[in-house]
Amino acid sequence: TEVANLRAVQMEDADKSIVALAESYPSLQANQNFLLLQNQLAEIQEKLAGSQSYLVDATTLYNARVQSFPYFLFTPMIGLRTLPMPSF
């Protein structure tokens, strides 16, 4: 979770830097490499959002399983406990 949060912050910072750079240099906006970079950044952000959604779903399922019968009888013995929900 911590790594995902750090990556999300870094992606936001990178995105802001790229937008600021493009605003400073209008000719850069028309550059094919820059457009490719923007598209790749958008794809990465979509993948990150999908991964975050998967993590939330997996955590929800895990917590439900740990708290359900008969699992809640055995999970304390082997050290399993509910996990906090990730926040992004």
Protein backbone atom coordinates (compact mmCIF):
# COMPACT_ATOMS: atom_id res chain seq x y z
CA THR A 1 0.00 0.00 0.00
CA GLU A 2 2.79 2.37 0.90
CA VAL A 3 4.57 1.76 -2.41
CA ALA A 4 1.34 2.31 -4.33
CA ASN A 5 0.74 5.59 -2.51
CA LEU A 6 4.28 6.78 -3.25
CA ARG A 7 3.94 5.87 -6.92
CA ALA A 8 0.63 7.68 -7.16
CA VAL A 9 2.16 10.83 -5.69
CA GLN A 10 5.14 10.59 -8.04
CA MET A 11 2.83 10.13 -11.03
CA GLU A 12 0.82 13.20 -10.05
CA ASP A 13 4.01 15.25 -9.67
CA ALA A 14 5.32 14.03 -13.04
CA ASP A 15 2.01 14.80 -14.71
CA LYS A 16 2.00 18.35 -13.31
CA SER A 17 5.60 18.88 -14.43
CA ILE A 18 4.83 17.70 -17.95
CA VAL A 19 1.79 19.96 -18.22
CA ALA A 20 3.79 22.94 -16.95
CA LEU A 21 6.56 22.20 -19.43
CA ALA A 22 4.07 21.99 -22.31
CA GLU A 23 2.51 25.31 -21.33
CA SER A 24 5.93 26.94 -21.33
CA TYR A 25 6.82 25.61 -24.78
CA PRO A 26 3.82 25.60 -27.15
CA SER A 27 5.86 24.01 -29.95
CA LEU A 28 6.46 21.03 -27.65
CA GLN A 29 2.73 20.25 -27.60
CA ALA A 30 2.84 19.46 -31.32
CA ASN A 31 5.95 17.29 -31.04
CA GLN A 32 5.21 13.63 -31.82
CA ASN A 33 7.43 12.32 -28.99
CA PHE A 34 5.71 14.56 -26.49
CA LEU A 35 2.29 13.38 -27.63
CA LEU A 36 3.49 9.79 -27.27
CA LEU A 37 4.72 10.56 -23.76
CA GLN A 38 1.34 12.03 -22.82
CA ASN A 39 -0.46 8.95 -24.16
CA GLN A 40 1.85 6.62 -22.26
CA LEU A 41 1.31 8.60 -19.08
CA ALA A 42 -2.47 8.31 -19.52
CA GLU A 43 -2.14 4.54 -20.02
CA ILE A 44 -0.02 4.20 -16.89
CA GLN A 45 -2.56 6.17 -14.87
CA GLU A 46 -5.37 3.91 -16.12
CA LYS A 47 -3.39 0.80 -15.19
CA LEU A 48 -2.62 2.26 -11.77
CA ALA A 49 -6.31 2.99 -11.18
CA GLY A 50 -7.17 -0.57 -12.18
CA SER A 51 -4.54 -1.97 -9.83
CA GLN A 52 -5.81 0.17 -6.99
CA SER A 53 -9.34 -1.06 -7.62
CA TYR A 54 -8.11 -4.66 -7.63
CA LEU A 55 -6.29 -4.11 -4.32
CA VAL A 56 -9.42 -2.70 -2.69
CA ASP A 57 -11.51 -5.62 -4.00
CA ALA A 58 -8.95 -8.20 -2.85
CA THR A 59 -8.72 -6.62 0.60
CA THR A 60 -12.52 -6.58 0.92
CA LEU A 61 -12.75 -10.24 -0.07
CA TYR A 62 -9.92 -11.24 2.27
CA ASN A 63 -11.46 -9.38 5.24
CA ALA A 64 -14.86 -10.95 4.57
CA ARG A 65 -13.30 -14.41 4.45
CA VAL A 66 -11.26 -13.93 7.65
CA GLN A 67 -14.39 -12.82 9.51
CA SER A 68 -16.72 -15.54 8.22
CA PHE A 69 -17.50 -18.94 9.66
CA PRO A 70 -15.60 -21.27 10.03
CA TYR A 71 -12.49 -19.24 9.20
CA PHE A 72 -12.81 -16.86 12.14
CA LEU A 73 -12.35 -19.85 14.45
CA PHE A 74 -8.92 -20.69 13.05
CA THR A 75 -7.45 -17.43 11.75
CA PRO A 76 -6.33 -16.15 15.18
CA MET A 77 -4.40 -19.38 15.74
CA ILE A 78 -2.31 -18.88 12.62
CA GLY A 79 -1.94 -15.13 12.97
CA LEU A 80 -4.32 -13.91 10.29
CA ARG A 81 -6.28 -10.75 10.94
CA THR A 82 -8.31 -8.26 8.97
CA LEU A 83 -6.37 -5.74 6.91
CA PRO A 84 -6.96 -1.99 6.82
CA MET A 85 -8.54 -0.75 3.62
CA PRO A 86 -5.97 0.90 1.34
CA SER A 87 -6.29 4.61 0.81
CA PHE A 88 -4.92 6.30 -2.28
